[in-house]
């Protein structure tokens, strides 16, 4: 009887873990689509969409690597994030740009915090995380370690 309970408990943990992984991927996909969602639903605010995505509940479990997996699977959203960055008019704020040389740059304006990436998807994932955290907690408390050269 005890072994059965242990197997059942392990099975429940596995199901919970699989649900979390699938749910986290769904949340990240919603996040990656945020600029497009805002474009199609202009009456929504970024804060309300971020809250509705589920990101705020699991923000600590979502890092740039997990975002990168989804961005690589959906590179069509990179241009939306470049446009999003270009449209930002407040500061301090993260930025994401792609100069003519093909590199991608992510940084914080104003300031000397920036990093050049050869992989635009990686740069986009870093920018997305910085932007989400900027919305969640404000730029004064952002972790800028990802921008160290």
C-alpha atoms as a PDB file:
ATOM      1  CA  UNK A   1       0.000   0.000   0.000  1.00  0.00           C
ATOM      2  CA  UNK A   2       2.794   2.440   0.837  1.00  0.00           C
ATOM      3  CA  UNK A   3       4.558   1.765  -2.493  1.00  0.00           C
ATOM      4  CA  UNK A   4       1.299   2.448  -4.343  1.00  0.00           C
ATOM      5  CA  UNK A   5       0.920   5.812  -2.597  1.00  0.00           C
ATOM      6  CA  UNK A   6       4.524   6.698  -3.428  1.00  0.00           C
ATOM      7  CA  UNK A   7       4.022   5.842  -7.118  1.00  0.00           C
ATOM      8  CA  UNK A   8       0.784   7.808  -7.166  1.00  0.00           C
ATOM      9  CA  UNK A   9       2.479  10.787  -5.515  1.00  0.00           C
ATOM     10  CA  UNK A  10       5.362  10.638  -8.005  1.00  0.00           C
ATOM     11  CA  UNK A  11       2.884  10.359 -10.860  1.00  0.00           C
ATOM     12  CA  UNK A  12       1.013  13.420  -9.566  1.00  0.00           C
ATOM     13  CA  UNK A  13       4.285  15.368  -9.338  1.00  0.00           C
ATOM     14  CA  UNK A  14       5.120  14.342 -12.908  1.00  0.00           C
ATOM     15  CA  UNK A  15       1.694  15.428 -14.139  1.00  0.00           C
ATOM     16  CA  UNK A  16       2.036  18.726 -12.234  1.00  0.00           C
ATOM     17  CA  UNK A  17       5.505  19.271 -13.695  1.00  0.00           C
ATOM     18  CA  UNK A  18       4.338  18.506 -17.246  1.00  0.00           C
ATOM     19  CA  UNK A  19       1.366  20.837 -16.792  1.00  0.00           C
ATOM     20  CA  UNK A  20       3.712  23.595 -15.584  1.00  0.00           C
ATOM     21  CA  UNK A  21       6.097  23.113 -18.542  1.00  0.00           C
ATOM     22  CA  UNK A  22       3.236  23.190 -21.049  1.00  0.00           C
ATOM     23  CA  UNK A  23       1.649  26.133 -19.247  1.00  0.00           C
ATOM     24  CA  UNK A  24       4.974  28.021 -19.115  1.00  0.00           C
ATOM     25  CA  UNK A  25       5.443  27.532 -22.873  1.00  0.00           C
ATOM     26  CA  UNK A  26       1.922  28.864 -23.469  1.00  0.00           C
ATOM     27  CA  UNK A  27       2.660  31.878 -21.254  1.00  0.00           C
ATOM     28  CA  UNK A  28       5.938  32.556 -23.057  1.00  0.00           C
ATOM     29  CA  UNK A  29       4.221  32.310 -26.432  1.00  0.00           C
ATOM     30  CA  UNK A  30       1.621  34.853 -25.253  1.00  0.00           C
ATOM     31  CA  UNK A  31       4.493  37.091 -24.160  1.00  0.00           C
ATOM     32  CA  UNK A  32       6.341  36.748 -27.467  1.00  0.00           C
ATOM     33  CA  UNK A  33       3.111  37.727 -29.246  1.00  0.00           C
ATOM     34  CA  UNK A  34       2.471  40.791 -27.020  1.00  0.00           C
ATOM     35  CA  UNK A  35       3.328  43.489 -29.599  1.00  0.00           C
ATOM     36  CA  UNK A  36       1.055  41.850 -32.167  1.00  0.00           C
ATOM     37  CA  UNK A  37      -1.709  41.388 -29.600  1.00  0.00           C
ATOM     38  CA  UNK A  38      -1.508  45.081 -28.692  1.00  0.00           C
ATOM     39  CA  UNK A  39      -1.618  46.051 -32.348  1.00  0.00           C
ATOM     40  CA  UNK A  40      -4.832  44.041 -32.833  1.00  0.00           C
ATOM     41  CA  UNK A  41      -6.339  45.016 -29.470  1.00  0.00           C
ATOM     42  CA  UNK A  42      -5.364  48.685 -28.995  1.00  0.00           C
ATOM     43  CA  UNK A  43      -7.873  49.160 -26.188  1.00  0.00           C
ATOM     44  CA  UNK A  44      -5.806  46.804 -23.999  1.00  0.00           C
ATOM     45  CA  UNK A  45      -2.826  47.995 -21.969  1.00  0.00           C
ATOM     46  CA  UNK A  46       0.491  46.179 -21.858  1.00  0.00           C
ATOM     47  CA  UNK A  47       0.056  45.789 -18.102  1.00  0.00           C
ATOM     48  CA  UNK A  48      -3.350  44.131 -18.435  1.00  0.00           C
ATOM     49  CA  UNK A  49      -2.105  41.794 -21.183  1.00  0.00           C
ATOM     50  CA  UNK A  50       0.968  40.903 -19.156  1.00  0.00           C
ATOM     51  CA  UNK A  51      -1.213  40.105 -16.160  1.00  0.00           C
ATOM     52  CA  UNK A  52      -3.613  38.056 -18.302  1.00  0.00           C
ATOM     53  CA  UNK A  53      -0.702  36.080 -19.795  1.00  0.00           C
ATOM     54  CA  UNK A  54       0.166  34.541 -16.415  1.00  0.00           C
ATOM     55  CA  UNK A  55       3.724  35.907 -16.502  1.00  0.00           C
ATOM     56  CA  UNK A  56       3.428  37.760 -13.208  1.00  0.00           C
ATOM     57  CA  UNK A  57       2.708  34.530 -11.324  1.00  0.00           C
ATOM     58  CA  UNK A  58       5.766  32.676 -12.668  1.00  0.00           C
ATOM     59  CA  UNK A  59       8.136  35.478 -13.735  1.00  0.00           C
ATOM     60  CA  UNK A  60      11.012  33.981 -11.733  1.00  0.00           C
ATOM     61  CA  UNK A  61      10.736  30.708 -13.657  1.00  0.00           C
ATOM     62  CA  UNK A  62      10.911  32.382 -17.068  1.00  0.00           C
ATOM     63  CA  UNK A  63      14.389  33.398 -18.154  1.00  0.00           C
ATOM     64  CA  UNK A  64      15.997  34.501 -21.404  1.00  0.00           C
ATOM     65  CA  UNK A  65      16.858  30.901 -22.337  1.00  0.00           C
ATOM     66  CA  UNK A  66      13.227  29.779 -22.152  1.00  0.00           C
ATOM     67  CA  UNK A  67      12.091  32.857 -24.048  1.00  0.00           C
ATOM     68  CA  UNK A  68      14.782  32.187 -26.669  1.00  0.00           C
ATOM     69  CA  UNK A  69      13.364  28.705 -27.344  1.00  0.00           C
ATOM     70  CA  UNK A  70       9.995  30.221 -28.233  1.00  0.00           C
ATOM     71  CA  UNK A  71      11.507  33.127 -30.199  1.00  0.00           C
ATOM     72  CA  UNK A  72      13.539  30.648 -32.280  1.00  0.00           C
ATOM     73  CA  UNK A  73      10.347  28.681 -32.950  1.00  0.00           C
ATOM     74  CA  UNK A  74       8.529  31.920 -33.938  1.00  0.00           C
ATOM     75  CA  UNK A  75      11.121  34.306 -35.444  1.00  0.00           C
ATOM     76  CA  UNK A  76       8.321  36.151 -37.219  1.00  0.00           C
ATOM     77  CA  UNK A  77       7.744  38.106 -33.985  1.00  0.00           C
ATOM     78  CA  UNK A  78      11.277  39.589 -33.847  1.00  0.00           C
ATOM     79  CA  UNK A  79      10.302  42.444 -36.176  1.00  0.00           C
ATOM     80  CA  UNK A  80       7.376  43.303 -33.885  1.00  0.00           C
ATOM     81  CA  UNK A  81       9.741  43.624 -30.927  1.00  0.00           C
ATOM     82  CA  UNK A  82      12.133  45.797 -32.960  1.00  0.00           C
ATOM     83  CA  UNK A  83       9.190  48.055 -33.808  1.00  0.00           C
ATOM     84  CA  UNK A  84       8.006  48.005 -30.200  1.00  0.00           C
ATOM     85  CA  UNK A  85      11.432  49.190 -29.065  1.00  0.00           C
ATOM     86  CA  UNK A  86      11.502  51.891 -31.726  1.00  0.00           C
ATOM     87  CA  UNK A  87       8.106  53.161 -30.540  1.00  0.00           C
ATOM     88  CA  UNK A  88       9.128  53.524 -26.870  1.00  0.00           C
ATOM     89  CA  UNK A  89       9.275  57.170 -25.853  1.00  0.00           C
ATOM     90  CA  UNK A  90       9.892  56.952 -22.126  1.00  0.00           C
ATOM     91  CA  UNK A  91      13.124  56.605 -20.231  1.00  0.00           C
ATOM     92  CA  UNK A  92      14.827  54.886 -18.660  1.00  0.00           C
ATOM     93  CA  UNK A  93      13.829  51.929 -20.764  1.00  0.00           C
ATOM     94  CA  UNK A  94      15.377  48.905 -22.451  1.00  0.00           C
ATOM     95  CA  UNK A  95      15.970  49.164 -26.183  1.00  0.00           C
ATOM     96  CA  UNK A  96      16.508  46.674 -28.991  1.00  0.00           C
ATOM     97  CA  UNK A  97      17.872  47.625 -32.384  1.00  0.00           C
ATOM     98  CA  UNK A  98      19.433  46.112 -35.450  1.00  0.00           C
ATOM     99  CA  UNK A  99      21.942  48.389 -37.188  1.00  0.00           C
ATOM    100  CA  UNK A 100      22.709  47.877 -40.865  1.00  0.00           C
ATOM    101  CA  UNK A 101      25.708  45.641 -40.076  1.00  0.00           C
ATOM    102  CA  UNK A 102      23.372  42.776 -39.110  1.00  0.00           C
ATOM    103  CA  UNK A 103      24.263  42.724 -35.425  1.00  0.00           C
ATOM    104  CA  UNK A 104      21.622  43.316 -32.763  1.00  0.00           C
ATOM    105  CA  UNK A 105      22.012  45.589 -29.759  1.00  0.00           C
ATOM    106  CA  UNK A 106      20.134  45.494 -26.468  1.00  0.00           C
ATOM    107  CA  UNK A 107      20.672  48.159 -23.846  1.00  0.00           C
ATOM    108  CA  UNK A 108      19.147  50.584 -21.392  1.00  0.00           C
ATOM    109  CA  UNK A 109      18.529  54.221 -22.345  1.00  0.00           C
ATOM    110  CA  UNK A 110      19.868  56.430 -20.986  1.00  0.00           C
ATOM    111  CA  UNK A 111      23.065  54.810 -19.815  1.00  0.00           C
ATOM    112  CA  UNK A 112      26.064  52.883 -20.963  1.00  0.00           C
ATOM    113  CA  UNK A 113      24.544  49.464 -20.445  1.00  0.00           C
ATOM    114  CA  UNK A 114      24.361  47.626 -23.754  1.00  0.00           C
ATOM    115  CA  UNK A 115      25.456  44.420 -25.407  1.00  0.00           C
ATOM    116  CA  UNK A 116      25.974  43.520 -29.057  1.00  0.00           C
ATOM    117  CA  UNK A 117      24.617  40.159 -30.231  1.00  0.00           C
ATOM    118  CA  UNK A 118      25.360  38.295 -33.438  1.00  0.00           C
ATOM    119  CA  UNK A 119      22.107  36.327 -32.999  1.00  0.00           C
ATOM    120  CA  UNK A 120      19.025  38.522 -33.345  1.00  0.00           C
ATOM    121  CA  UNK A 121      16.790  35.900 -31.704  1.00  0.00           C
ATOM    122  CA  UNK A 122      19.013  35.863 -28.621  1.00  0.00           C
ATOM    123  CA  UNK A 123      19.008  39.663 -28.505  1.00  0.00           C
ATOM    124  CA  UNK A 124      15.226  39.665 -28.833  1.00  0.00           C
ATOM    125  CA  UNK A 125      14.834  37.189 -25.948  1.00  0.00           C
ATOM    126  CA  UNK A 126      17.057  39.332 -23.708  1.00  0.00           C
ATOM    127  CA  UNK A 127      15.108  42.459 -24.666  1.00  0.00           C
ATOM    128  CA  UNK A 128      11.766  40.765 -24.000  1.00  0.00           C
ATOM    129  CA  UNK A 129      12.836  39.715 -20.495  1.00  0.00           C
ATOM    130  CA  UNK A 130      14.231  43.189 -19.738  1.00  0.00           C
ATOM    131  CA  UNK A 131      11.069  44.838 -21.031  1.00  0.00           C
ATOM    132  CA  UNK A 132       8.795  42.540 -19.049  1.00  0.00           C
ATOM    133  CA  UNK A 133      10.751  43.114 -15.876  1.00  0.00           C
ATOM    134  CA  UNK A 134      10.780  46.860 -16.559  1.00  0.00           C
ATOM    135  CA  UNK A 135       6.987  46.745 -16.705  1.00  0.00           C
ATOM    136  CA  UNK A 136       6.772  44.472 -13.645  1.00  0.00           C
ATOM    137  CA  UNK A 137       9.193  46.221 -11.287  1.00  0.00           C
ATOM    138  CA  UNK A 138      10.530  49.345 -12.972  1.00  0.00           C
ATOM    139  CA  UNK A 139      13.851  50.039 -14.635  1.00  0.00           C
ATOM    140  CA  UNK A 140      15.596  51.154 -11.448  1.00  0.00           C
ATOM    141  CA  UNK A 141      15.628  47.568 -10.206  1.00  0.00           C
ATOM    142  CA  UNK A 142      16.463  45.735 -13.441  1.00  0.00           C
ATOM    143  CA  UNK A 143      19.134  43.046 -13.361  1.00  0.00           C
ATOM    144  CA  UNK A 144      21.633  44.330 -15.920  1.00  0.00           C
ATOM    145  CA  UNK A 145      23.982  41.338 -15.715  1.00  0.00           C
ATOM    146  CA  UNK A 146      22.718  40.124 -19.107  1.00  0.00           C
ATOM    147  CA  UNK A 147      24.162  43.261 -20.689  1.00  0.00           C
ATOM    148  CA  UNK A 148      27.676  42.875 -19.343  1.00  0.00           C
ATOM    149  CA  UNK A 149      30.158  42.359 -22.183  1.00  0.00           C
END
